[in-house]
C-alpha atoms as a PDB file:
ATOM      1  CA  MET A   1      25.759 -38.445 -26.513  1.00  0.00           C
ATOM      2  CA  ALA A   2      24.174 -34.817 -26.105  1.00  0.00           C
ATOM      3  CA  LEU A   3      21.349 -35.427 -28.921  1.00  0.00           C
ATOM      4  CA  PRO A   4      18.852 -36.540 -26.842  1.00  0.00           C
ATOM      5  CA  ALA A   5      19.118 -33.719 -24.506  1.00  0.00           C
ATOM      6  CA  ILE A   6      19.144 -31.474 -27.563  1.00  0.00           C
ATOM      7  CA  PHE A   7      16.225 -32.452 -28.857  1.00  0.00           C
ATOM      8  CA  ILE A   8      14.356 -32.303 -25.536  1.00  0.00           C
ATOM      9  CA  VAL A   9      15.187 -28.822 -25.274  1.00  0.00           C
ATOM     10  CA  GLY A  10      14.561 -28.366 -28.984  1.00  0.00           C
ATOM     11  CA  VAL A  11      10.796 -29.773 -28.572  1.00  0.00           C
ATOM     12  CA  LEU A  12      10.338 -28.268 -25.151  1.00  0.00           C
ATOM     13  CA  PHE A  13      11.827 -24.760 -25.391  1.00  0.00           C
ATOM     14  CA  VAL A  14      13.328 -23.320 -28.518  1.00  0.00           C
ATOM     15  CA  TYR A  15      10.206 -24.789 -30.787  1.00  0.00           C
ATOM     16  CA  PRO A  16       7.341 -23.089 -28.427  1.00  0.00           C
ATOM     17  CA  PHE A  17       9.733 -20.086 -27.958  1.00  0.00           C
ATOM     18  CA  PHE A  18      10.167 -19.168 -31.738  1.00  0.00           C
ATOM     19  CA  LEU A  19       6.260 -20.175 -32.004  1.00  0.00           C
ATOM     20  CA  SER A  20       5.441 -17.530 -29.553  1.00  0.00           C
ATOM     21  CA  LEU A  21       7.607 -15.343 -30.629  1.00  0.00           C
ATOM     22  CA  MET A  22       5.994 -15.087 -34.678  1.00  0.00           C
ATOM     23  CA  ASN A  23       2.784 -15.347 -32.749  1.00  0.00           C
ATOM     24  CA  SER A  24       3.693 -12.081 -31.146  1.00  0.00           C
ATOM     25  CA  PHE A  25       4.039 -10.168 -34.055  1.00  0.00           C
ATOM     26  CA  LYS A  26       1.269 -11.130 -35.964  1.00  0.00           C
ATOM     27  CA  VAL A  27      -1.704  -8.708 -36.514  1.00  0.00           C
ATOM     28  CA  LYS A  28      -4.644  -8.468 -38.826  1.00  0.00           C
ATOM     29  CA  ASP A  29      -2.777  -7.115 -41.643  1.00  0.00           C
ATOM     30  CA  GLY A  30       0.185  -8.679 -41.363  1.00  0.00           C
ATOM     31  CA  TRP A  31       2.943  -8.560 -38.737  1.00  0.00           C
ATOM     32  CA  GLY A  32       3.669  -5.339 -36.995  1.00  0.00           C
ATOM     33  CA  TRP A  33       4.491  -4.443 -32.948  1.00  0.00           C
ATOM     34  CA  ASP A  34       1.121  -3.675 -32.099  1.00  0.00           C
ATOM     35  CA  HIS A  35       1.036  -6.206 -29.253  1.00  0.00           C
ATOM     36  CA  TYR A  36       4.279  -5.267 -27.615  1.00  0.00           C
ATOM     37  CA  LYS A  37       2.668  -2.058 -28.112  1.00  0.00           C
ATOM     38  CA  THR A  38      -0.382  -2.914 -25.993  1.00  0.00           C
ATOM     39  CA  VAL A  39       1.581  -4.811 -23.210  1.00  0.00           C
ATOM     40  CA  PHE A  40       3.541  -2.160 -22.388  1.00  0.00           C
ATOM     41  CA  GLU A  41       0.262   0.324 -22.340  1.00  0.00           C
ATOM     42  CA  LEU A  42      -1.330  -1.531 -20.329  1.00  0.00           C
ATOM     43  CA  TYR A  43       1.291  -3.544 -18.057  1.00  0.00           C
ATOM     44  CA  THR A  44       4.673  -1.967 -17.903  1.00  0.00           C
ATOM     45  CA  GLY A  45       4.202  -1.645 -14.200  1.00  0.00           C
ATOM     46  CA  ASP A  46       2.778  -5.307 -13.703  1.00  0.00           C
ATOM     47  CA  LEU A  47       6.361  -6.494 -15.292  1.00  0.00           C
ATOM     48  CA  LEU A  48       8.516  -4.346 -13.585  1.00  0.00           C
ATOM     49  CA  TYR A  49       6.178  -5.729 -10.464  1.00  0.00           C
ATOM     50  CA  THR A  50       6.648  -9.221 -11.649  1.00  0.00           C
ATOM     51  CA  VAL A  51      10.886  -8.465 -11.715  1.00  0.00           C
ATOM     52  CA  TRP A  52      10.422  -6.782  -7.923  1.00  0.00           C
ATOM     53  CA  ILE A  53       8.298  -9.904  -6.474  1.00  0.00           C
ATOM     54  CA  SER A  54      11.159 -12.309  -8.175  1.00  0.00           C
ATOM     55  CA  VAL A  55      14.299 -10.463  -7.081  1.00  0.00           C
ATOM     56  CA  ALA A  56      12.498  -9.976  -3.419  1.00  0.00           C
ATOM     57  CA  SER A  57      11.959 -13.023  -2.990  1.00  0.00           C
ATOM     58  CA  LEU A  58      15.094 -14.361  -4.577  1.00  0.00           C
ATOM     59  CA  ALA A  59      17.230 -12.423  -2.343  1.00  0.00           C
ATOM     60  CA  ILE A  60      14.986 -13.678   0.890  1.00  0.00           C
ATOM     61  CA  LEU A  61      15.339 -17.070  -0.317  1.00  0.00           C
ATOM     62  CA  LEU A  62      18.980 -17.243  -1.018  1.00  0.00           C
ATOM     63  CA  VAL A  63      19.655 -15.131   2.872  1.00  0.00           C
ATOM     64  CA  PHE A  64      17.900 -18.508   4.217  1.00  0.00           C
ATOM     65  CA  GLY A  65      18.951 -20.777   1.952  1.00  0.00           C
ATOM     66  CA  ILE A  66      22.988 -19.820   2.790  1.00  0.00           C
ATOM     67  CA  LEU A  67      22.210 -19.658   6.335  1.00  0.00           C
ATOM     68  CA  LEU A  68      20.164 -22.924   6.444  1.00  0.00           C
ATOM     69  CA  GLY A  69      22.769 -24.595   4.521  1.00  0.00           C
ATOM     70  CA  GLY A  70      25.820 -23.380   6.422  1.00  0.00           C
ATOM     71  CA  TYR A  71      24.595 -24.835   9.440  1.00  0.00           C
ATOM     72  CA  LEU A  72      23.747 -28.069   8.058  1.00  0.00           C
ATOM     73  CA  ARG A  73      27.347 -27.948   6.545  1.00  0.00           C
ATOM     74  CA  PHE A  74      28.794 -27.621  10.103  1.00  0.00           C
ATOM     75  CA  ARG A  75      26.189 -29.706  11.936  1.00  0.00           C
ATOM     76  CA  HIS A  76      24.094 -32.566  10.374  1.00  0.00           C
ATOM     77  CA  ASN A  77      21.106 -32.928  11.030  1.00  0.00           C
ATOM     78  CA  GLY A  78      18.797 -35.034   9.101  1.00  0.00           C
ATOM     79  CA  TRP A  79      15.259 -33.832  10.643  1.00  0.00           C
ATOM     80  CA  ILE A  80      16.008 -30.464   9.686  1.00  0.00           C
ATOM     81  CA  GLU A  81      17.160 -31.546   6.118  1.00  0.00           C
ATOM     82  CA  PHE A  82      13.676 -33.550   5.800  1.00  0.00           C
ATOM     83  CA  LEU A  83      11.789 -30.697   6.891  1.00  0.00           C
ATOM     84  CA  PHE A  84      13.054 -28.231   4.272  1.00  0.00           C
ATOM     85  CA  LYS A  85      13.052 -30.841   1.632  1.00  0.00           C
ATOM     86  CA  ILE A  86       8.798 -31.242   1.799  1.00  0.00           C
ATOM     87  CA  PRO A  87       8.215 -28.294  -0.480  1.00  0.00           C
ATOM     88  CA  LEU A  88      10.154 -29.775  -3.466  1.00  0.00           C
ATOM     89  CA  PHE A  89       7.531 -32.378  -3.572  1.00  0.00           C
ATOM     90  CA  ILE A  90       4.384 -29.779  -3.088  1.00  0.00           C
ATOM     91  CA  PRO A  91       2.664 -28.396  -6.533  1.00  0.00           C
ATOM     92  CA  PHE A  92       2.422 -24.689  -6.662  1.00  0.00           C
ATOM     93  CA  VAL A  93      -1.539 -24.899  -6.608  1.00  0.00           C
ATOM     94  CA  VAL A  94      -1.349 -26.929  -3.158  1.00  0.00           C
ATOM     95  CA  VAL A  95       1.112 -24.462  -1.829  1.00  0.00           C
ATOM     96  CA  GLY A  96      -1.121 -21.556  -2.705  1.00  0.00           C
ATOM     97  CA  HIS A  97      -4.080 -22.931  -1.343  1.00  0.00           C
ATOM     98  CA  ALA A  98      -1.942 -23.731   2.174  1.00  0.00           C
ATOM     99  CA  MET A  99      -0.637 -19.654   2.164  1.00  0.00           C
ATOM    100  CA  ARG A 100      -4.258 -18.757   2.093  1.00  0.00           C
ATOM    101  CA  VAL A 101      -5.612 -20.583   4.734  1.00  0.00           C
ATOM    102  CA  LEU A 102      -1.875 -19.614   6.953  1.00  0.00           C
ATOM    103  CA  LEU A 103      -1.946 -16.018   6.399  1.00  0.00           C
ATOM    104  CA  ALA A 104      -5.579 -14.680   5.752  1.00  0.00           C
ATOM    105  CA  PRO A 105      -6.909 -12.370   8.160  1.00  0.00           C
ATOM    106  CA  ASN A 106      -8.909 -15.181  10.143  1.00  0.00           C
ATOM    107  CA  GLY A 107      -6.175 -17.935   8.951  1.00  0.00           C
ATOM    108  CA  THR A 108      -4.142 -20.340  10.802  1.00  0.00           C
ATOM    109  CA  LEU A 109      -1.414 -17.910  11.980  1.00  0.00           C
ATOM    110  CA  ASN A 110      -3.789 -15.051  13.413  1.00  0.00           C
ATOM    111  CA  ALA A 111      -5.925 -17.569  14.832  1.00  0.00           C
ATOM    112  CA  SER A 112      -2.941 -18.896  16.619  1.00  0.00           C
ATOM    113  CA  LEU A 113      -1.290 -15.448  17.622  1.00  0.00           C
ATOM    114  CA  ALA A 114      -5.084 -14.602  18.866  1.00  0.00           C
ATOM    115  CA  ALA A 115      -4.848 -17.478  21.154  1.00  0.00           C
ATOM    116  CA  LEU A 116      -1.754 -16.249  22.678  1.00  0.00           C
ATOM    117  CA  GLY A 117      -3.381 -12.692  23.014  1.00  0.00           C
ATOM    118  CA  VAL A 118      -0.699 -10.973  20.679  1.00  0.00           C
ATOM    119  CA  ILE A 119      -3.449  -9.723  18.263  1.00  0.00           C
ATOM    120  CA  ASP A 120      -6.982  -9.076  18.096  1.00  0.00           C
ATOM    121  CA  LEU A 121      -9.140 -10.955  15.336  1.00  0.00           C
ATOM    122  CA  GLN A 122     -11.490  -8.250  15.299  1.00  0.00           C
ATOM    123  CA  ASN A 123      -9.232  -6.090  13.803  1.00  0.00           C
ATOM    124  CA  PRO A 124      -6.405  -8.770  12.235  1.00  0.00           C
ATOM    125  CA  PRO A 125      -3.626  -8.111  10.070  1.00  0.00           C
ATOM    126  CA  SER A 126      -3.196  -9.792   6.675  1.00  0.00           C
ATOM    127  CA  ILE A 127      -0.307 -11.103   5.056  1.00  0.00           C
ATOM    128  CA  ALA A 128      -2.025 -12.934   2.028  1.00  0.00           C
ATOM    129  CA  PHE A 129      -3.625 -11.411  -0.581  1.00  0.00           C
ATOM    130  CA  SER A 130      -0.660  -9.243  -0.906  1.00  0.00           C
ATOM    131  CA  SER A 131       2.766  -8.539  -1.867  1.00  0.00           C
ATOM    132  CA  ALA A 132       4.246 -10.016   1.248  1.00  0.00           C
ATOM    133  CA  GLY A 133       2.204 -12.674   1.263  1.00  0.00           C
ATOM    134  CA  ILE A 134       3.209 -13.709  -2.421  1.00  0.00           C
ATOM    135  CA  ILE A 135       6.667 -13.009  -1.724  1.00  0.00           C
ATOM    136  CA  THR A 136       6.451 -15.260   1.601  1.00  0.00           C
ATOM    137  CA  ALA A 137       4.893 -18.483  -0.708  1.00  0.00           C
ATOM    138  CA  LEU A 138       7.381 -18.074  -3.603  1.00  0.00           C
ATOM    139  CA  ALA A 139      10.215 -18.457  -1.137  1.00  0.00           C
ATOM    140  CA  TRP A 140       8.753 -20.857   0.792  1.00  0.00           C
ATOM    141  CA  LYS A 141       8.332 -23.080  -2.145  1.00  0.00           C
ATOM    142  CA  ASN A 142      11.629 -22.530  -3.921  1.00  0.00           C
ATOM    143  CA  LEU A 143      13.800 -22.998  -0.667  1.00  0.00           C
ATOM    144  CA  SER A 144      14.094 -26.920  -0.911  1.00  0.00           C
ATOM    145  CA  LEU A 145      15.439 -26.735  -4.622  1.00  0.00           C
ATOM    146  CA  ALA A 146      18.015 -23.713  -3.467  1.00  0.00           C
ATOM    147  CA  LEU A 147      19.031 -25.585  -0.033  1.00  0.00           C
ATOM    148  CA  LEU A 148      19.390 -29.034  -2.269  1.00  0.00           C
ATOM    149  CA  LEU A 149      22.034 -26.794  -4.676  1.00  0.00           C
ATOM    150  CA  LEU A 150      23.731 -24.928  -1.399  1.00  0.00           C
ATOM    151  CA  MET A 151      24.290 -27.594   0.632  1.00  0.00           C
ATOM    152  CA  GLY A 152      25.748 -29.625  -2.272  1.00  0.00           C
ATOM    153  CA  ALA A 153      28.509 -26.840  -3.050  1.00  0.00           C
ATOM    154  CA  PHE A 154      28.851 -26.301   0.963  1.00  0.00           C
ATOM    155  CA  ARG A 155      29.504 -30.084   1.422  1.00  0.00           C
ATOM    156  CA  SER A 156      32.310 -29.971  -1.474  1.00  0.00           C
ATOM    157  CA  ILE A 157      34.320 -27.304   0.330  1.00  0.00           C
ATOM    158  CA  ASP A 158      37.713 -29.396   1.378  1.00  0.00           C
ATOM    159  CA  GLN A 159      37.370 -29.242   5.104  1.00  0.00           C
ATOM    160  CA  ASN A 160      40.931 -28.036   5.287  1.00  0.00           C
ATOM    161  CA  PHE A 161      39.904 -24.431   4.035  1.00  0.00           C
ATOM    162  CA  ILE A 162      37.640 -24.756   7.108  1.00  0.00           C
ATOM    163  CA  ASP A 163      39.590 -25.925   9.563  1.00  0.00           C
ATOM    164  CA  ALA A 164      42.515 -22.967   8.693  1.00  0.00           C
ATOM    165  CA  ALA A 165      39.957 -20.490   9.180  1.00  0.00           C
ATOM    166  CA  ARG A 166      38.794 -21.810  12.544  1.00  0.00           C
ATOM    167  CA  ASN A 167      42.634 -21.684  13.873  1.00  0.00           C
ATOM    168  CA  ILE A 168      42.823 -18.101  13.047  1.00  0.00           C
ATOM    169  CA  GLY A 169      39.691 -17.502  15.171  1.00  0.00           C
ATOM    170  CA  ALA A 170      36.850 -17.138  12.208  1.00  0.00           C
ATOM    171  CA  ASN A 171      33.524 -17.489  13.917  1.00  0.00           C
ATOM    172  CA  TYR A 172      30.491 -19.571  11.832  1.00  0.00           C
ATOM    173  CA  LEU A 173      29.166 -16.557  10.224  1.00  0.00           C
ATOM    174  CA  ARG A 174      32.974 -15.168   9.219  1.00  0.00           C
ATOM    175  CA  ILE A 175      33.837 -18.767   7.676  1.00  0.00           C
ATOM    176  CA  LEU A 176      30.711 -19.046   5.975  1.00  0.00           C
ATOM    177  CA  PHE A 177      30.357 -15.889   4.240  1.00  0.00           C
ATOM    178  CA  THR A 178      34.086 -15.092   3.860  1.00  0.00           C
ATOM    179  CA  VAL A 179      35.256 -18.782   2.768  1.00  0.00           C
ATOM    180  CA  MET A 180      32.411 -20.965   1.813  1.00  0.00           C
ATOM    181  CA  VAL A 181      30.075 -18.494  -0.434  1.00  0.00           C
ATOM    182  CA  PRO A 182      33.036 -17.154  -2.318  1.00  0.00           C
ATOM    183  CA  MET A 183      34.005 -20.920  -2.806  1.00  0.00           C
ATOM    184  CA  ALA A 184      30.096 -21.983  -3.909  1.00  0.00           C
ATOM    185  CA  LYS A 185      29.435 -18.621  -5.855  1.00  0.00           C
ATOM    186  CA  GLY A 186      28.707 -20.663  -9.019  1.00  0.00           C
ATOM    187  CA  SER A 187      26.228 -22.919  -7.221  1.00  0.00           C
ATOM    188  CA  ILE A 188      25.004 -19.705  -5.683  1.00  0.00           C
ATOM    189  CA  ALA A 189      24.383 -18.546  -9.135  1.00  0.00           C
ATOM    190  CA  VAL A 190      23.109 -21.241 -10.902  1.00  0.00           C
ATOM    191  CA  SER A 191      20.376 -21.429  -8.029  1.00  0.00           C
ATOM    192  CA  ALA A 192      19.898 -17.984  -8.334  1.00  0.00           C
ATOM    193  CA  VAL A 193      18.981 -18.081 -11.901  1.00  0.00           C
ATOM    194  CA  LEU A 194      17.014 -21.128 -11.967  1.00  0.00           C
ATOM    195  CA  ILE A 195      14.793 -19.951  -9.175  1.00  0.00           C
ATOM    196  CA  PHE A 196      14.413 -16.360 -10.391  1.00  0.00           C
ATOM    197  CA  THR A 197      13.164 -17.821 -13.756  1.00  0.00           C
ATOM    198  CA  SER A 198      10.798 -20.045 -12.138  1.00  0.00           C
ATOM    199  CA  MET A 199       9.574 -17.547  -9.657  1.00  0.00           C
ATOM    200  CA  MET A 200       8.929 -15.001 -13.477  1.00  0.00           C
ATOM    201  CA  GLY A 201       7.162 -17.427 -14.523  1.00  0.00           C
ATOM    202  CA  SER A 202       4.810 -18.349 -11.590  1.00  0.00           C
ATOM    203  CA  PHE A 203       1.191 -18.499 -12.076  1.00  0.00           C
ATOM    204  CA  SER A 204      -0.581 -20.449  -9.210  1.00  0.00           C
ATOM    205  CA  ILE A 205       0.717 -18.533  -6.166  1.00  0.00           C
ATOM    206  CA  PRO A 206      -0.008 -14.655  -7.693  1.00  0.00           C
ATOM    207  CA  MET A 207      -3.667 -15.832  -8.718  1.00  0.00           C
ATOM    208  CA  MET A 208      -4.187 -17.229  -5.735  1.00  0.00           C
ATOM    209  CA  LEU A 209      -2.604 -14.982  -2.990  1.00  0.00           C
ATOM    210  CA  GLY A 210      -2.810 -11.268  -5.099  1.00  0.00           C
ATOM    211  CA  THR A 211      -5.559  -9.126  -5.650  1.00  0.00           C
ATOM    212  CA  THR A 212      -8.097  -8.173  -8.006  1.00  0.00           C
ATOM    213  CA  GLU A 213      -6.887  -4.309  -7.579  1.00  0.00           C
ATOM    214  CA  GLY A 214      -3.402  -2.975  -8.039  1.00  0.00           C
ATOM    215  CA  SER A 215      -0.289  -4.559  -9.701  1.00  0.00           C
ATOM    216  CA  GLN A 216      -0.463  -8.200 -11.227  1.00  0.00           C
ATOM    217  CA  MET A 217       2.242 -10.618 -12.252  1.00  0.00           C
ATOM    218  CA  ALA A 218       2.983 -11.133 -15.737  1.00  0.00           C
ATOM    219  CA  MET A 219       1.199 -14.831 -16.129  1.00  0.00           C
ATOM    220  CA  VAL A 220      -1.724 -13.603 -14.225  1.00  0.00           C
ATOM    221  CA  ASP A 221      -1.983 -10.841 -17.248  1.00  0.00           C
ATOM    222  CA  LEU A 222      -1.119 -13.755 -19.793  1.00  0.00           C
ATOM    223  CA  TYR A 223      -3.821 -15.469 -18.102  1.00  0.00           C
ATOM    224  CA  TYR A 224      -6.503 -12.805 -18.668  1.00  0.00           C
ATOM    225  CA  GLN A 225      -5.431 -12.229 -22.225  1.00  0.00           C
ATOM    226  CA  ILE A 226      -5.907 -15.589 -22.748  1.00  0.00           C
ATOM    227  CA  VAL A 227      -9.264 -16.211 -21.175  1.00  0.00           C
ATOM    228  CA  TYR A 228     -11.426 -12.697 -21.096  1.00  0.00           C
ATOM    229  CA  GLN A 229      -9.761 -10.798 -24.169  1.00  0.00           C
ATOM    230  CA  ASN A 230      -8.964 -13.618 -26.417  1.00  0.00           C
ATOM    231  CA  ASN A 231      -6.366 -11.997 -27.449  1.00  0.00           C
ATOM    232  CA  TYR A 232      -3.239 -14.506 -27.832  1.00  0.00           C
ATOM    233  CA  GLY A 233      -0.949 -11.989 -29.291  1.00  0.00           C
ATOM    234  CA  ALA A 234      -0.735  -9.794 -26.593  1.00  0.00           C
ATOM    235  CA  ALA A 235      -0.186 -13.044 -24.493  1.00  0.00           C
ATOM    236  CA  ASN A 236       2.401 -14.313 -26.552  1.00  0.00           C
ATOM    237  CA  ALA A 237       4.078 -10.535 -26.558  1.00  0.00           C
ATOM    238  CA  ILE A 238       4.069 -10.990 -22.715  1.00  0.00           C
ATOM    239  CA  GLY A 239       5.403 -14.805 -22.857  1.00  0.00           C
ATOM    240  CA  VAL A 240       8.222 -13.637 -24.940  1.00  0.00           C
ATOM    241  CA  ILE A 241       9.177 -10.333 -22.644  1.00  0.00           C
ATOM    242  CA  SER A 242       9.066 -12.628 -19.847  1.00  0.00           C
ATOM    243  CA  TYR A 243      11.552 -14.993 -21.940  1.00  0.00           C
ATOM    244  CA  LEU A 244      13.652 -12.240 -22.244  1.00  0.00           C
ATOM    245  CA  ILE A 245      14.082 -10.900 -18.540  1.00  0.00           C
ATOM    246  CA  SER A 246      14.789 -14.496 -17.687  1.00  0.00           C
ATOM    247  CA  MET A 247      17.281 -14.950 -20.760  1.00  0.00           C
ATOM    248  CA  GLY A 248      19.209 -11.584 -19.305  1.00  0.00           C
ATOM    249  CA  ALA A 249      19.054 -13.421 -15.898  1.00  0.00           C
ATOM    250  CA  ALA A 250      20.827 -16.487 -17.557  1.00  0.00           C
ATOM    251  CA  MET A 251      23.111 -14.482 -19.890  1.00  0.00           C
ATOM    252  CA  TYR A 252      24.733 -12.787 -16.481  1.00  0.00           C
ATOM    253  CA  TYR A 253      25.434 -15.763 -15.221  1.00  0.00           C
ATOM    254  CA  LEU A 254      27.491 -16.970 -18.433  1.00  0.00           C
ATOM    255  CA  ARG A 255      29.205 -14.231 -18.797  1.00  0.00           C
ATOM    256  CA  THR A 256      29.957 -13.463 -15.272  1.00  0.00           C
ATOM    257  CA  VAL A 257      30.063 -16.631 -13.148  1.00  0.00           C
ATOM    258  CA  THR A 258      31.581 -18.511 -15.567  1.00  0.00           C
ATOM    259  CA  LYS A 259      34.233 -16.514 -16.943  1.00  0.00           C
ATOM    260  CA  ARG A 260      37.569 -17.898 -16.528  1.00  0.00           C
END
């Protein structure tokens, strides 16, 4: 029964990964670590920046997801659920363009704030084209997936536990963080791992909201190596390193959360 799923994973993940791994070690005169040396010499800062952006986006996302998922567990609101499920069906490139329009120096957000007299459009703040813009876009795009997983976990918690906490005087936040979150830690970990790996491989949003100066996310560097340097070996090395970082997050989940 598991063979179809195993076959799909093998074709779409295992085979491409090992092909990329082999190509990352191929050099002109055989095999070697040259491409990895190039990557670490040029992109160590970018790899750390990618991890930082992914972790920061994930932290903000989980806070909002837990608070909103907990609220919807106590008070069902179909309209709010609908609104926060919309990003799930919007492509990354559309999110990137929308955030550019919204967060640009003369974008929709600043224009609205200027109309209210909050800011001066002659010297407007800019969230787009910065780390803050990338974090905002990644958190918003992935909120739907996190919310779906968290709401399912929270709604599966027996109401008796919640009623017992209420009977001893616990408020909403106390119930959420001392009862519901510990009982849903498996689902929280699953959503965190899935979203972190997705953010690590994000390309469209960093490309559209990043800058040409300073640190770049890893997939932008990979694109640069392929398109401008025609260096597929270094590009494969960046991909393998990103795989390993994402695999580390998955292994942490398997070793700690599923431990019995």
